[in-house]
C-alpha cells in the first residue's frame, strides 16, 4: 500500500467477508438495501426501521420511520425478495417486503462517534488554514453528508460534493483495491 493510502487505511477499517444472507440466528445491526426501500435491521434488539426511497413516483409506506418489533426474518438474501414479519404500531402482524435485496451492510455501532470525530478534526484543520482529506473521506465513510462536510468549509453540500465526491470515491476505490476488497458498499448520503 502506498504512503498516500496508509493514513486513510488507519482511519477506515477493512471490510469483513461479504454477507449474502441474514436469518433469525444472525446478530448485529444491518443496512439492508433492497429495491425501492432501505431497512435498518437490528437482529440483537429484534427491530426493523424501514424507509422508502425518496423518488417522487414512490408513495411512502405507513411503516416508514417507525421502529417495529421483528417477529421473523422470512427472506433476506442478496438477489432474492425481502420479507420481514413485523408488528405494526397496533401490534398487528405486517410484512416489510421488497422485490430484491441488493446488498447487506453491517452497521458499525461506533459509526456516529467516528463520523463526529472526523468532522471535528476536519474543522480544526480548516480553521488552521489547511485541509484534511483523509478525515473528510473517513467522515463520509462513517455517514457524514456532503452538507455536513460543506458546513465545515462554509460552502453548500452541493458545492462540497462537486469539489470532492469523485476524487474521494477514487481514493476509497484505491484503498479497497490495495486491500483486495471487492463487492458493493453503500454510497454515502448526499
N, C-alpha and C. Protein backbone atom coordinates (compact mmCIF):
# COMPACT_ATOMS: atom_id res chain seq x y z
N UNK A 1 0.85 -1.17 0.00
CA UNK A 1 0.00 0.00 0.00
C UNK A 1 0.90 1.24 0.00
N UNK A 2 0.57 2.21 -0.86
CA UNK A 2 1.41 3.40 -0.95
C UNK A 2 1.18 4.32 0.26
N UNK A 3 2.12 5.24 0.46
CA UNK A 3 2.08 6.13 1.61
C UNK A 3 0.82 7.01 1.64
N UNK A 4 0.32 7.39 0.45
CA UNK A 4 -0.88 8.22 0.38
C UNK A 4 -2.10 7.53 0.99
N UNK A 5 -2.13 6.20 0.89
CA UNK A 5 -3.28 5.46 1.40
C UNK A 5 -3.10 4.96 2.83
N UNK A 6 -1.89 4.95 3.32
CA UNK A 6 -1.61 4.36 4.63
C UNK A 6 -2.42 5.03 5.75
N UNK A 7 -2.43 6.35 5.79
CA UNK A 7 -3.17 7.06 6.84
C UNK A 7 -4.67 6.79 6.71
N UNK A 8 -5.20 6.82 5.50
CA UNK A 8 -6.61 6.54 5.28
C UNK A 8 -6.95 5.12 5.73
N UNK A 9 -6.06 4.19 5.48
CA UNK A 9 -6.28 2.80 5.89
C UNK A 9 -6.35 2.67 7.41
N UNK A 10 -5.64 3.53 8.13
CA UNK A 10 -5.69 3.50 9.59
C UNK A 10 -7.02 4.06 10.10
N UNK A 11 -7.65 4.95 9.33
CA UNK A 11 -8.90 5.58 9.76
C UNK A 11 -10.14 4.75 9.42
N UNK A 12 -10.06 3.99 8.33
CA UNK A 12 -11.21 3.21 7.87
C UNK A 12 -10.87 1.73 7.97
N UNK A 13 -11.59 0.99 8.82
CA UNK A 13 -11.28 -0.43 8.98
C UNK A 13 -11.59 -1.22 7.70
N UNK A 14 -10.87 -2.32 7.51
CA UNK A 14 -11.16 -3.14 6.34
C UNK A 14 -12.54 -3.77 6.44
N UNK A 15 -13.09 -4.08 5.29
CA UNK A 15 -14.38 -4.78 5.24
C UNK A 15 -14.18 -6.22 5.69
N UNK A 16 -15.19 -6.75 6.31
CA UNK A 16 -15.17 -8.18 6.61
C UNK A 16 -15.60 -8.95 5.38
N UNK A 17 -15.69 -10.24 5.54
CA UNK A 17 -16.18 -11.07 4.43
C UNK A 17 -17.62 -10.65 4.11
N UNK A 18 -17.96 -10.59 2.84
CA UNK A 18 -19.31 -10.17 2.48
C UNK A 18 -20.35 -11.15 3.02
N UNK A 19 -21.45 -10.60 3.50
CA UNK A 19 -22.57 -11.41 3.98
C UNK A 19 -23.65 -11.34 2.93
N UNK A 20 -24.17 -12.49 2.56
CA UNK A 20 -25.17 -12.54 1.50
C UNK A 20 -26.54 -12.96 1.99
N UNK A 21 -26.62 -13.48 3.23
CA UNK A 21 -27.89 -13.95 3.78
C UNK A 21 -27.98 -13.60 5.26
N UNK A 22 -29.12 -13.09 5.67
CA UNK A 22 -29.40 -12.88 7.09
C UNK A 22 -30.62 -13.72 7.46
N UNK A 23 -30.59 -14.25 8.68
CA UNK A 23 -31.74 -15.01 9.17
C UNK A 23 -31.91 -14.75 10.66
N UNK A 24 -32.87 -15.41 11.26
CA UNK A 24 -33.18 -15.18 12.67
C UNK A 24 -32.04 -15.55 13.61
N UNK A 25 -31.12 -16.37 13.17
CA UNK A 25 -29.99 -16.76 14.01
C UNK A 25 -28.86 -15.73 13.99
N UNK A 26 -28.95 -14.74 13.11
CA UNK A 26 -27.90 -13.73 12.97
C UNK A 26 -27.87 -12.75 14.12
N UNK A 27 -26.80 -11.96 14.15
CA UNK A 27 -26.63 -10.92 15.16
C UNK A 27 -26.19 -9.63 14.50
N UNK A 28 -26.21 -8.56 15.27
CA UNK A 28 -25.72 -7.28 14.78
C UNK A 28 -26.82 -6.44 14.17
N UNK A 29 -26.40 -5.26 13.72
CA UNK A 29 -27.30 -4.32 13.06
C UNK A 29 -26.86 -4.21 11.61
N UNK A 30 -27.83 -4.22 10.70
CA UNK A 30 -27.56 -4.28 9.27
C UNK A 30 -28.36 -3.23 8.52
N UNK A 31 -27.74 -2.71 7.47
CA UNK A 31 -28.43 -1.87 6.49
C UNK A 31 -28.75 -2.80 5.34
N UNK A 32 -30.03 -3.02 5.10
CA UNK A 32 -30.48 -3.89 4.03
C UNK A 32 -30.98 -2.99 2.92
N UNK A 33 -30.27 -2.97 1.82
CA UNK A 33 -30.66 -2.14 0.67
C UNK A 33 -31.37 -3.03 -0.32
N UNK A 34 -32.63 -2.71 -0.56
CA UNK A 34 -33.45 -3.51 -1.46
C UNK A 34 -34.07 -2.58 -2.50
N UNK A 35 -34.77 -3.17 -3.46
CA UNK A 35 -35.42 -2.36 -4.48
C UNK A 35 -36.45 -1.44 -3.82
N UNK A 36 -36.25 -0.13 -3.99
CA UNK A 36 -37.16 0.93 -3.56
C UNK A 36 -37.25 1.13 -2.05
N UNK A 37 -36.43 0.43 -1.26
CA UNK A 37 -36.53 0.56 0.19
C UNK A 37 -35.18 0.27 0.84
N UNK A 38 -34.94 0.92 1.97
CA UNK A 38 -33.78 0.62 2.80
C UNK A 38 -34.31 0.27 4.18
N UNK A 39 -33.74 -0.76 4.78
CA UNK A 39 -34.19 -1.22 6.09
C UNK A 39 -32.98 -1.28 7.02
N UNK A 40 -33.16 -0.76 8.22
CA UNK A 40 -32.17 -0.95 9.28
C UNK A 40 -32.71 -2.10 10.12
N UNK A 41 -32.01 -3.22 10.07
CA UNK A 41 -32.43 -4.46 10.71
C UNK A 41 -31.50 -4.74 11.89
N UNK A 42 -32.03 -4.64 13.09
CA UNK A 42 -31.24 -4.91 14.30
C UNK A 42 -31.64 -6.30 14.81
N UNK A 43 -30.77 -7.27 14.53
CA UNK A 43 -31.07 -8.64 14.91
C UNK A 43 -30.89 -8.88 16.41
N UNK A 44 -30.11 -8.04 17.08
CA UNK A 44 -29.93 -8.17 18.53
C UNK A 44 -31.14 -7.62 19.28
N UNK A 45 -31.58 -6.42 18.90
CA UNK A 45 -32.74 -5.80 19.55
C UNK A 45 -34.06 -6.29 18.95
N UNK A 46 -33.96 -7.01 17.81
CA UNK A 46 -35.14 -7.55 17.12
C UNK A 46 -36.08 -6.42 16.69
N UNK A 47 -35.49 -5.43 15.97
CA UNK A 47 -36.27 -4.31 15.46
C UNK A 47 -35.98 -4.07 13.99
N UNK A 48 -36.92 -3.40 13.34
CA UNK A 48 -36.83 -3.04 11.93
C UNK A 48 -37.21 -1.57 11.79
N UNK A 49 -36.42 -0.81 11.02
CA UNK A 49 -36.74 0.57 10.69
C UNK A 49 -36.68 0.68 9.18
N UNK A 50 -37.81 0.97 8.56
CA UNK A 50 -37.96 0.97 7.10
C UNK A 50 -38.03 2.39 6.58
N UNK A 51 -37.48 2.62 5.36
CA UNK A 51 -37.66 3.90 4.69
C UNK A 51 -37.76 3.67 3.19
N UNK A 52 -38.77 4.28 2.59
CA UNK A 52 -38.97 4.21 1.15
C UNK A 52 -37.98 5.14 0.48
N UNK A 53 -37.49 4.76 -0.71
CA UNK A 53 -36.61 5.64 -1.47
C UNK A 53 -37.28 6.99 -1.68
N UNK A 54 -36.47 8.02 -1.74
CA UNK A 54 -37.01 9.37 -1.96
C UNK A 54 -37.09 9.66 -3.45
N UNK A 55 -37.98 8.94 -4.11
CA UNK A 55 -38.23 9.12 -5.53
C UNK A 55 -39.66 9.65 -5.65
N UNK A 56 -39.86 10.75 -6.40
CA UNK A 56 -41.19 11.37 -6.45
C UNK A 56 -42.32 10.42 -6.82
N UNK A 57 -42.04 9.37 -7.59
CA UNK A 57 -43.11 8.48 -8.02
C UNK A 57 -43.45 7.41 -6.99
N UNK A 58 -42.68 7.30 -5.90
CA UNK A 58 -42.95 6.28 -4.88
C UNK A 58 -43.72 6.89 -3.72
N UNK A 59 -44.73 6.19 -3.29
CA UNK A 59 -45.51 6.62 -2.13
C UNK A 59 -44.91 5.96 -0.90
N UNK A 60 -44.58 6.75 0.13
CA UNK A 60 -44.03 6.16 1.35
C UNK A 60 -45.01 5.19 1.99
N UNK A 61 -44.49 4.21 2.68
CA UNK A 61 -45.30 3.25 3.41
C UNK A 61 -45.66 3.83 4.77
N UNK A 62 -46.82 3.49 5.32
CA UNK A 62 -47.15 3.92 6.67
C UNK A 62 -46.18 3.34 7.71
N UNK A 63 -45.43 2.32 7.33
CA UNK A 63 -44.45 1.72 8.23
C UNK A 63 -43.12 2.47 8.23
N UNK A 64 -42.94 3.41 7.31
CA UNK A 64 -41.68 4.16 7.22
C UNK A 64 -41.42 4.96 8.49
N UNK A 65 -40.17 4.92 8.95
CA UNK A 65 -39.74 5.75 10.06
C UNK A 65 -40.19 5.28 11.43
N UNK A 66 -40.86 4.15 11.50
CA UNK A 66 -41.35 3.63 12.77
C UNK A 66 -40.49 2.41 13.15
N UNK A 67 -39.98 2.40 14.37
CA UNK A 67 -39.23 1.23 14.83
C UNK A 67 -40.25 0.14 15.16
N UNK A 68 -40.16 -0.96 14.41
CA UNK A 68 -41.13 -2.04 14.52
C UNK A 68 -40.49 -3.28 15.12
N UNK A 69 -41.20 -3.98 15.99
CA UNK A 69 -40.67 -5.24 16.53
C UNK A 69 -40.57 -6.29 15.41
N UNK A 70 -39.43 -6.95 15.33
CA UNK A 70 -39.22 -8.02 14.36
C UNK A 70 -39.75 -9.32 14.93
N UNK A 71 -40.61 -9.99 14.17
CA UNK A 71 -41.15 -11.29 14.58
C UNK A 71 -40.33 -12.41 13.94
N UNK A 72 -40.07 -12.26 12.61
CA UNK A 72 -39.36 -13.33 11.90
C UNK A 72 -38.70 -12.79 10.62
N UNK A 73 -37.49 -13.25 10.35
CA UNK A 73 -36.85 -12.99 9.06
C UNK A 73 -37.27 -14.14 8.15
N UNK A 74 -38.16 -13.85 7.22
CA UNK A 74 -38.64 -14.90 6.32
C UNK A 74 -37.72 -15.06 5.12
N UNK A 75 -37.22 -13.93 4.61
CA UNK A 75 -36.31 -13.98 3.46
C UNK A 75 -35.49 -12.69 3.45
N UNK A 76 -34.16 -12.84 3.50
CA UNK A 76 -33.28 -11.68 3.44
C UNK A 76 -31.94 -12.15 2.88
N UNK A 77 -31.90 -12.31 1.55
CA UNK A 77 -30.71 -12.78 0.86
C UNK A 77 -30.48 -11.94 -0.38
N UNK A 78 -29.23 -11.61 -0.65
CA UNK A 78 -28.87 -10.81 -1.82
C UNK A 78 -29.39 -11.50 -3.08
N UNK A 79 -30.10 -10.73 -3.90
CA UNK A 79 -30.66 -11.24 -5.14
C UNK A 79 -32.03 -11.86 -5.00
N UNK A 80 -32.52 -11.98 -3.77
CA UNK A 80 -33.82 -12.59 -3.50
C UNK A 80 -34.78 -11.53 -2.96
N UNK A 81 -36.09 -11.85 -2.91
CA UNK A 81 -37.04 -10.92 -2.30
C UNK A 81 -36.79 -10.76 -0.80
N UNK A 82 -37.14 -9.59 -0.28
CA UNK A 82 -37.05 -9.30 1.14
C UNK A 82 -38.43 -9.50 1.76
N UNK A 83 -38.48 -10.27 2.85
CA UNK A 83 -39.72 -10.45 3.60
C UNK A 83 -39.39 -10.54 5.08
N UNK A 84 -39.80 -9.51 5.82
CA UNK A 84 -39.59 -9.47 7.26
C UNK A 84 -40.96 -9.36 7.92
N UNK A 85 -41.30 -10.32 8.77
CA UNK A 85 -42.55 -10.27 9.50
C UNK A 85 -42.33 -9.41 10.74
N UNK A 86 -43.15 -8.36 10.88
CA UNK A 86 -43.04 -7.40 11.98
C UNK A 86 -44.41 -7.22 12.63
N UNK A 87 -44.44 -6.44 13.69
CA UNK A 87 -45.70 -6.00 14.27
C UNK A 87 -45.82 -4.51 14.01
N UNK A 88 -47.00 -4.07 13.55
CA UNK A 88 -47.19 -2.64 13.33
C UNK A 88 -47.40 -1.93 14.67
N UNK A 89 -47.68 -0.65 14.62
CA UNK A 89 -47.82 0.14 15.86
C UNK A 89 -48.97 -0.34 16.76
N UNK A 90 -49.94 -1.01 16.18
CA UNK A 90 -51.06 -1.54 16.96
C UNK A 90 -50.82 -3.00 17.39
N UNK A 91 -49.64 -3.53 17.08
CA UNK A 91 -49.32 -4.90 17.45
C UNK A 91 -49.83 -5.95 16.48
N UNK A 92 -50.36 -5.52 15.35
CA UNK A 92 -50.85 -6.45 14.33
C UNK A 92 -49.70 -6.92 13.45
N UNK A 93 -49.78 -8.14 12.92
CA UNK A 93 -48.73 -8.62 12.02
C UNK A 93 -48.72 -7.79 10.72
N UNK A 94 -47.52 -7.50 10.26
CA UNK A 94 -47.33 -6.78 9.00
C UNK A 94 -46.06 -7.34 8.37
N UNK A 95 -45.89 -7.11 7.09
CA UNK A 95 -44.70 -7.60 6.40
C UNK A 95 -43.99 -6.43 5.73
N UNK A 96 -42.70 -6.32 5.99
CA UNK A 96 -41.85 -5.39 5.26
C UNK A 96 -41.29 -6.20 4.11
N UNK A 97 -41.58 -5.77 2.90
CA UNK A 97 -41.14 -6.55 1.74
C UNK A 97 -40.59 -5.66 0.63
N UNK A 98 -39.78 -6.28 -0.21
CA UNK A 98 -39.24 -5.63 -1.39
C UNK A 98 -38.97 -6.72 -2.42
N UNK A 99 -38.91 -6.31 -3.67
CA UNK A 99 -38.73 -7.26 -4.76
C UNK A 99 -37.39 -7.98 -4.72
N UNK A 100 -36.32 -7.22 -4.39
CA UNK A 100 -34.98 -7.82 -4.47
C UNK A 100 -34.02 -7.13 -3.51
N UNK A 101 -33.28 -7.91 -2.73
CA UNK A 101 -32.24 -7.36 -1.85
C UNK A 101 -31.01 -7.11 -2.71
N UNK A 102 -30.50 -5.88 -2.67
CA UNK A 102 -29.31 -5.52 -3.46
C UNK A 102 -28.03 -5.82 -2.70
N UNK A 103 -27.96 -5.41 -1.42
CA UNK A 103 -26.78 -5.74 -0.60
C UNK A 103 -27.13 -5.65 0.87
N UNK A 104 -26.28 -6.28 1.68
CA UNK A 104 -26.38 -6.27 3.13
C UNK A 104 -25.11 -5.64 3.66
N UNK A 105 -25.25 -4.64 4.51
CA UNK A 105 -24.08 -3.93 5.02
C UNK A 105 -24.16 -3.85 6.54
N UNK A 106 -23.12 -4.33 7.23
CA UNK A 106 -23.15 -4.21 8.69
C UNK A 106 -23.08 -2.74 9.09
N UNK A 107 -23.78 -2.39 10.16
CA UNK A 107 -23.75 -1.03 10.69
C UNK A 107 -22.77 -1.01 11.86
N UNK A 108 -21.76 -0.20 11.74
CA UNK A 108 -20.75 -0.06 12.79
C UNK A 108 -21.39 0.65 13.98
N UNK A 109 -21.41 0.03 15.16
CA UNK A 109 -22.04 0.69 16.31
C UNK A 109 -21.34 1.99 16.72
N UNK A 110 -20.11 2.18 16.29
CA UNK A 110 -19.36 3.39 16.61
C UNK A 110 -19.35 4.41 15.47
N UNK A 111 -20.15 4.14 14.42
CA UNK A 111 -20.10 4.99 13.23
C UNK A 111 -20.41 6.45 13.52
N UNK A 112 -21.42 6.73 14.32
CA UNK A 112 -21.79 8.12 14.59
C UNK A 112 -20.66 8.84 15.33
N UNK A 113 -20.09 8.18 16.33
CA UNK A 113 -18.98 8.79 17.08
C UNK A 113 -17.77 9.01 16.17
N UNK A 114 -17.49 8.05 15.31
CA UNK A 114 -16.35 8.19 14.38
C UNK A 114 -16.60 9.32 13.39
N UNK A 115 -17.82 9.41 12.86
CA UNK A 115 -18.16 10.49 11.93
C UNK A 115 -17.93 11.84 12.59
N UNK A 116 -18.45 12.00 13.81
CA UNK A 116 -18.32 13.27 14.52
C UNK A 116 -16.86 13.61 14.81
N UNK A 117 -16.08 12.62 15.21
CA UNK A 117 -14.66 12.85 15.48
C UNK A 117 -13.94 13.33 14.22
N UNK A 118 -14.21 12.69 13.08
CA UNK A 118 -13.54 13.10 11.85
C UNK A 118 -14.01 14.47 11.37
N UNK A 119 -15.28 14.79 11.57
CA UNK A 119 -15.75 16.14 11.22
C UNK A 119 -15.08 17.19 12.09
N UNK A 120 -14.90 16.89 13.40
CA UNK A 120 -14.19 17.84 14.29
C UNK A 120 -12.74 18.02 13.85
N UNK A 121 -12.07 16.93 13.49
CA UNK A 121 -10.68 17.02 13.06
C UNK A 121 -10.57 17.78 11.74
N UNK A 122 -11.53 17.56 10.85
CA UNK A 122 -11.56 18.30 9.59
C UNK A 122 -11.78 19.79 9.88
N UNK A 123 -12.71 20.12 10.77
CA UNK A 123 -12.98 21.52 11.12
C UNK A 123 -11.74 22.19 11.72
N UNK A 124 -11.01 21.45 12.55
CA UNK A 124 -9.79 22.01 13.15
C UNK A 124 -8.76 22.29 12.07
N UNK A 125 -8.62 21.38 11.11
CA UNK A 125 -7.66 21.58 10.02
C UNK A 125 -8.05 22.79 9.18
N UNK A 126 -9.34 22.91 8.86
CA UNK A 126 -9.82 24.04 8.05
C UNK A 126 -9.63 25.34 8.81
N UNK A 127 -9.91 25.35 10.11
CA UNK A 127 -9.72 26.56 10.92
C UNK A 127 -8.26 26.98 10.97
N UNK A 128 -7.35 26.02 10.84
CA UNK A 128 -5.92 26.31 10.85
C UNK A 128 -5.41 26.68 9.45
N UNK A 129 -6.34 26.77 8.48
CA UNK A 129 -5.95 27.16 7.13
C UNK A 129 -5.46 26.02 6.29
N UNK A 130 -5.77 24.79 6.67
CA UNK A 130 -5.31 23.61 5.96
C UNK A 130 -6.52 22.80 5.52
N UNK A 131 -6.29 21.56 5.24
CA UNK A 131 -7.34 20.63 4.89
C UNK A 131 -6.91 19.26 5.40
N UNK A 132 -7.84 18.37 5.55
CA UNK A 132 -7.54 17.01 5.98
C UNK A 132 -8.40 16.06 5.15
N UNK A 133 -7.95 15.77 3.91
CA UNK A 133 -8.79 14.95 3.04
C UNK A 133 -9.10 13.57 3.62
N UNK A 134 -8.17 12.99 4.37
CA UNK A 134 -8.45 11.67 4.94
C UNK A 134 -9.55 11.75 6.00
N UNK A 135 -9.58 12.83 6.79
CA UNK A 135 -10.67 12.98 7.75
C UNK A 135 -11.99 13.22 7.03
N UNK A 136 -11.98 13.96 5.93
CA UNK A 136 -13.19 14.18 5.14
C UNK A 136 -13.68 12.83 4.60
N UNK A 137 -12.77 12.06 4.03
CA UNK A 137 -13.15 10.75 3.46
C UNK A 137 -13.66 9.81 4.54
N UNK A 138 -13.01 9.81 5.69
CA UNK A 138 -13.45 8.94 6.78
C UNK A 138 -14.82 9.41 7.32
N UNK A 139 -15.02 10.72 7.44
CA UNK A 139 -16.30 11.24 7.92
C UNK A 139 -17.43 10.79 6.99
N UNK A 140 -17.22 10.92 5.68
CA UNK A 140 -18.24 10.50 4.71
C UNK A 140 -18.43 8.98 4.78
N UNK A 141 -17.34 8.25 4.90
CA UNK A 141 -17.43 6.79 5.02
C UNK A 141 -18.32 6.39 6.21
N UNK A 142 -18.20 7.11 7.32
CA UNK A 142 -18.97 6.78 8.52
C UNK A 142 -20.33 7.48 8.57
N UNK A 143 -20.75 8.08 7.46
CA UNK A 143 -22.13 8.57 7.37
C UNK A 143 -22.33 10.07 7.29
N UNK A 144 -21.27 10.86 7.24
CA UNK A 144 -21.45 12.31 7.09
C UNK A 144 -22.04 12.62 5.72
N UNK A 145 -22.93 13.58 5.69
CA UNK A 145 -23.48 14.02 4.42
C UNK A 145 -22.56 15.07 3.81
N UNK A 146 -22.75 15.33 2.53
CA UNK A 146 -21.95 16.39 1.90
C UNK A 146 -22.34 17.74 2.47
N UNK A 147 -23.57 17.88 2.93
CA UNK A 147 -23.97 19.13 3.58
C UNK A 147 -23.16 19.35 4.86
N UNK A 148 -22.91 18.30 5.63
CA UNK A 148 -22.10 18.42 6.84
C UNK A 148 -20.65 18.78 6.50
N UNK A 149 -20.13 18.15 5.45
CA UNK A 149 -18.76 18.48 5.01
C UNK A 149 -18.71 19.91 4.51
N UNK A 150 -19.72 20.32 3.75
CA UNK A 150 -19.77 21.68 3.24
C UNK A 150 -19.83 22.71 4.36
N UNK A 151 -20.58 22.40 5.41
CA UNK A 151 -20.70 23.31 6.54
C UNK A 151 -19.33 23.59 7.18
N UNK A 152 -18.49 22.56 7.26
CA UNK A 152 -17.13 22.73 7.81
C UNK A 152 -16.34 23.73 6.96
N UNK A 153 -16.55 23.69 5.66
CA UNK A 153 -15.81 24.54 4.73
C UNK A 153 -16.55 25.84 4.40
N UNK A 154 -17.73 26.04 5.00
CA UNK A 154 -18.55 27.21 4.75
C UNK A 154 -18.98 27.29 3.29
N UNK A 155 -19.35 26.13 2.73
CA UNK A 155 -19.92 26.05 1.39
C UNK A 155 -21.13 25.12 1.47
N UNK A 156 -21.89 25.04 0.40
CA UNK A 156 -23.07 24.16 0.40
C UNK A 156 -22.65 22.71 0.22
N UNK A 157 -23.58 21.81 0.53
CA UNK A 157 -23.33 20.40 0.32
C UNK A 157 -23.14 20.07 -1.15
N UNK A 158 -23.88 20.76 -2.01
CA UNK A 158 -23.75 20.56 -3.46
C UNK A 158 -22.35 20.97 -3.91
N UNK A 159 -21.87 22.09 -3.40
CA UNK A 159 -20.51 22.54 -3.75
C UNK A 159 -19.46 21.56 -3.22
N UNK A 160 -19.66 21.07 -2.00
CA UNK A 160 -18.70 20.11 -1.43
C UNK A 160 -18.67 18.83 -2.25
N UNK A 161 -19.84 18.33 -2.61
CA UNK A 161 -19.89 17.10 -3.42
C UNK A 161 -19.24 17.32 -4.78
N UNK A 162 -19.51 18.47 -5.40
CA UNK A 162 -18.91 18.76 -6.70
C UNK A 162 -17.39 18.84 -6.60
N UNK A 163 -16.90 19.37 -5.49
CA UNK A 163 -15.47 19.56 -5.32
C UNK A 163 -14.74 18.26 -4.98
N UNK A 164 -15.34 17.40 -4.14
CA UNK A 164 -14.57 16.27 -3.60
C UNK A 164 -15.13 14.88 -3.85
N UNK A 165 -16.40 14.75 -4.23
CA UNK A 165 -17.02 13.43 -4.29
C UNK A 165 -16.26 12.45 -5.19
N UNK A 166 -15.95 12.85 -6.40
CA UNK A 166 -15.30 11.93 -7.34
C UNK A 166 -13.89 11.56 -6.88
N UNK A 167 -13.10 12.55 -6.44
CA UNK A 167 -11.73 12.22 -6.01
C UNK A 167 -11.76 11.37 -4.74
N UNK A 168 -12.74 11.59 -3.86
CA UNK A 168 -12.84 10.76 -2.66
C UNK A 168 -13.25 9.34 -3.01
N UNK A 169 -14.16 9.20 -3.96
CA UNK A 169 -14.53 7.85 -4.44
C UNK A 169 -13.32 7.13 -5.00
N UNK A 170 -12.53 7.85 -5.77
CA UNK A 170 -11.33 7.24 -6.35
C UNK A 170 -10.35 6.81 -5.28
N UNK A 171 -10.16 7.64 -4.25
CA UNK A 171 -9.24 7.28 -3.16
C UNK A 171 -9.74 6.05 -2.41
N UNK A 172 -11.04 5.99 -2.14
CA UNK A 172 -11.59 4.83 -1.45
C UNK A 172 -11.51 3.58 -2.31
N UNK A 173 -11.71 3.73 -3.62
CA UNK A 173 -11.58 2.59 -4.53
C UNK A 173 -10.14 2.09 -4.55
N UNK A 174 -9.17 3.01 -4.54
CA UNK A 174 -7.75 2.61 -4.49
C UNK A 174 -7.44 1.88 -3.19
N UNK A 175 -8.01 2.37 -2.08
CA UNK A 175 -7.81 1.72 -0.79
C UNK A 175 -8.37 0.31 -0.82
N UNK A 176 -9.59 0.15 -1.32
CA UNK A 176 -10.20 -1.19 -1.39
C UNK A 176 -9.40 -2.11 -2.29
N UNK A 177 -8.91 -1.58 -3.41
CA UNK A 177 -8.10 -2.40 -4.32
C UNK A 177 -6.80 -2.81 -3.65
N UNK A 178 -6.17 -1.90 -2.93
CA UNK A 178 -4.91 -2.22 -2.23
C UNK A 178 -5.12 -3.28 -1.16
N UNK A 179 -6.31 -3.28 -0.56
CA UNK A 179 -6.63 -4.29 0.45
C UNK A 179 -7.15 -5.59 -0.16
N UNK A 180 -7.46 -5.56 -1.44
CA UNK A 180 -8.03 -6.74 -2.08
C UNK A 180 -9.51 -6.91 -1.79
N UNK A 181 -10.17 -5.82 -1.40
CA UNK A 181 -11.61 -5.89 -1.10
C UNK A 181 -12.40 -5.72 -2.38
N UNK A 182 -13.45 -6.48 -2.49
CA UNK A 182 -14.34 -6.37 -3.64
C UNK A 182 -15.77 -6.33 -3.14
N UNK A 183 -16.69 -6.06 -4.04
CA UNK A 183 -18.10 -6.07 -3.69
C UNK A 183 -18.61 -4.67 -3.45
N UNK A 184 -19.93 -4.54 -3.49
CA UNK A 184 -20.57 -3.24 -3.36
C UNK A 184 -20.70 -2.80 -1.91
N UNK A 185 -20.63 -1.53 -1.73
CA UNK A 185 -20.88 -0.92 -0.43
C UNK A 185 -21.81 0.24 -0.65
N UNK A 186 -22.35 0.69 0.40
CA UNK A 186 -23.30 1.79 0.28
C UNK A 186 -22.61 3.08 -0.12
N UNK A 187 -23.32 3.87 -0.85
CA UNK A 187 -22.87 5.22 -1.17
C UNK A 187 -23.13 6.09 0.04
N UNK A 188 -22.25 7.02 0.32
CA UNK A 188 -22.54 7.95 1.39
C UNK A 188 -23.78 8.78 1.08
N UNK A 189 -24.37 9.30 2.11
CA UNK A 189 -25.55 10.14 1.94
C UNK A 189 -25.19 11.41 1.20
N UNK A 190 -26.13 11.95 0.44
CA UNK A 190 -25.89 13.17 -0.33
C UNK A 190 -26.19 14.40 0.48
